[in-house]
Amino acid sequence: MDAKALGQFIPLILIFVIFYFLLIRPQQKRIKEHKAMVNALNRGDQVITAGGLVGKIERLLDDEKVEVQIAENVNVKIVKSTISQVLSKTDTKK
């Protein structure tokens, strides 16, 4: 491969490097942080789901589901990965 052919690939390589540092790497970091948040959920945590429901975790059903109380005597089962934010954590140091 001569220098001219190599010179034509340099812009493509630079575009890939820019995409990696501006798009791919931050997205991977967000995914890792979300997974850690979901794994740290406990009974009593106040959460917001991706659908906009606000509630308190009543039970951890299994590795993928939790039961959330959204109103008095109203509990719903949701998939853990749909929890988008934890509003308040419970104190587990009792």
Protein backbone atom coordinates (compact mmCIF):
# COMPACT_ATOMS: atom_id res chain seq x y z
CA MET A 1 0.00 0.00 0.00
CA ASP A 2 1.49 3.31 -0.94
CA ALA A 3 1.31 6.62 0.92
CA LYS A 4 -1.53 7.97 -1.22
CA ALA A 5 -3.83 5.02 -0.46
CA LEU A 6 -3.00 5.26 3.24
CA GLY A 7 -3.78 8.99 3.16
CA GLN A 8 -7.29 8.22 1.90
CA PHE A 9 -8.04 6.03 4.96
CA ILE A 10 -6.89 8.58 7.55
CA PRO A 11 -10.19 10.58 7.53
CA LEU A 12 -12.18 7.35 8.02
CA ILE A 13 -9.98 6.31 10.91
CA LEU A 14 -10.33 9.76 12.51
CA ILE A 15 -14.13 9.64 12.17
CA PHE A 16 -14.21 6.24 13.88
CA VAL A 17 -12.00 7.50 16.74
CA ILE A 18 -14.23 10.56 17.22
CA PHE A 19 -17.39 8.42 17.22
CA TYR A 20 -15.82 6.07 19.75
CA PHE A 21 -14.92 8.80 22.25
CA LEU A 22 -18.04 10.95 21.77
CA LEU A 23 -20.77 8.30 21.36
CA ILE A 24 -19.80 4.69 22.04
CA ARG A 25 -17.71 5.06 25.19
CA PRO A 26 -20.16 7.36 27.09
CA GLN A 27 -23.07 5.05 26.18
CA GLN A 28 -21.20 2.04 27.56
CA LYS A 29 -20.52 3.98 30.76
CA ARG A 30 -24.22 4.86 31.16
CA ILE A 31 -25.21 1.21 30.63
CA LYS A 32 -22.71 0.08 33.26
CA GLU A 33 -23.99 2.69 35.77
CA HIS A 34 -27.64 1.70 35.13
CA LYS A 35 -26.85 -1.97 35.65
CA ALA A 36 -25.10 -1.20 38.95
CA MET A 37 -28.09 0.92 40.07
CA VAL A 38 -30.55 -1.87 39.23
CA ASN A 39 -28.45 -4.48 41.04
CA ALA A 40 -28.32 -2.27 44.17
CA LEU A 41 -32.11 -1.94 44.51
CA ASN A 42 -33.56 -2.80 47.93
CA ARG A 43 -36.96 -3.02 49.56
CA GLY A 44 -38.21 0.46 50.44
CA ASP A 45 -36.33 2.36 47.73
CA GLN A 46 -38.35 5.11 46.05
CA VAL A 47 -38.05 4.70 42.25
CA ILE A 48 -39.22 6.14 38.93
CA THR A 49 -39.92 3.77 36.04
CA ALA A 50 -39.30 4.47 32.36
CA GLY A 51 -43.07 4.85 31.96
CA GLY A 52 -43.16 7.63 34.56
CA LEU A 53 -44.60 5.71 37.51
CA VAL A 54 -43.30 6.72 40.92
CA GLY A 55 -43.45 4.14 43.66
CA LYS A 56 -41.77 2.29 46.49
CA ILE A 57 -40.26 -1.16 46.10
CA GLU A 58 -42.22 -3.64 48.20
CA ARG A 59 -40.57 -6.93 47.20
CA LEU A 60 -37.73 -8.17 45.06
CA LEU A 61 -39.40 -11.03 43.18
CA ASP A 62 -36.38 -12.43 41.32
CA ASP A 63 -33.35 -11.23 39.37
CA GLU A 64 -35.53 -9.52 36.76
CA LYS A 65 -38.71 -8.34 38.52
CA VAL A 66 -39.76 -6.25 41.51
CA GLU A 67 -43.09 -5.40 43.08
CA VAL A 68 -43.66 -1.64 43.37
CA GLN A 69 -46.35 0.07 45.44
CA ILE A 70 -47.69 3.01 43.41
CA ALA A 71 -50.61 3.85 45.74
CA GLU A 72 -52.16 2.56 48.94
CA ASN A 73 -52.98 -1.14 48.37
CA VAL A 74 -51.95 -0.89 44.68
CA ASN A 75 -48.87 -2.96 43.82
CA VAL A 76 -47.55 -3.65 40.33
CA LYS A 77 -44.89 -6.05 39.12
CA ILE A 78 -42.31 -4.44 36.88
CA VAL A 79 -39.11 -5.50 35.15
CA LYS A 80 -36.04 -4.12 36.97
CA SER A 81 -34.44 -2.79 33.81
CA THR A 82 -37.37 -0.37 33.32
CA ILE A 83 -36.43 1.50 36.50
CA SER A 84 -34.83 4.71 35.31
CA GLN A 85 -34.03 6.47 38.56
CA VAL A 86 -33.81 5.86 42.31
CA LEU A 87 -35.21 8.85 44.20
CA SER A 88 -34.31 7.78 47.72
CA LYS A 89 -32.46 4.82 49.14
CA THR A 90 -33.43 3.06 52.35
CA ASP A 91 -30.96 2.83 55.19
CA THR A 92 -29.76 -0.80 55.26
CA LYS A 93 -27.39 -0.24 58.23
CA LYS A 94 -29.96 -1.13 60.93
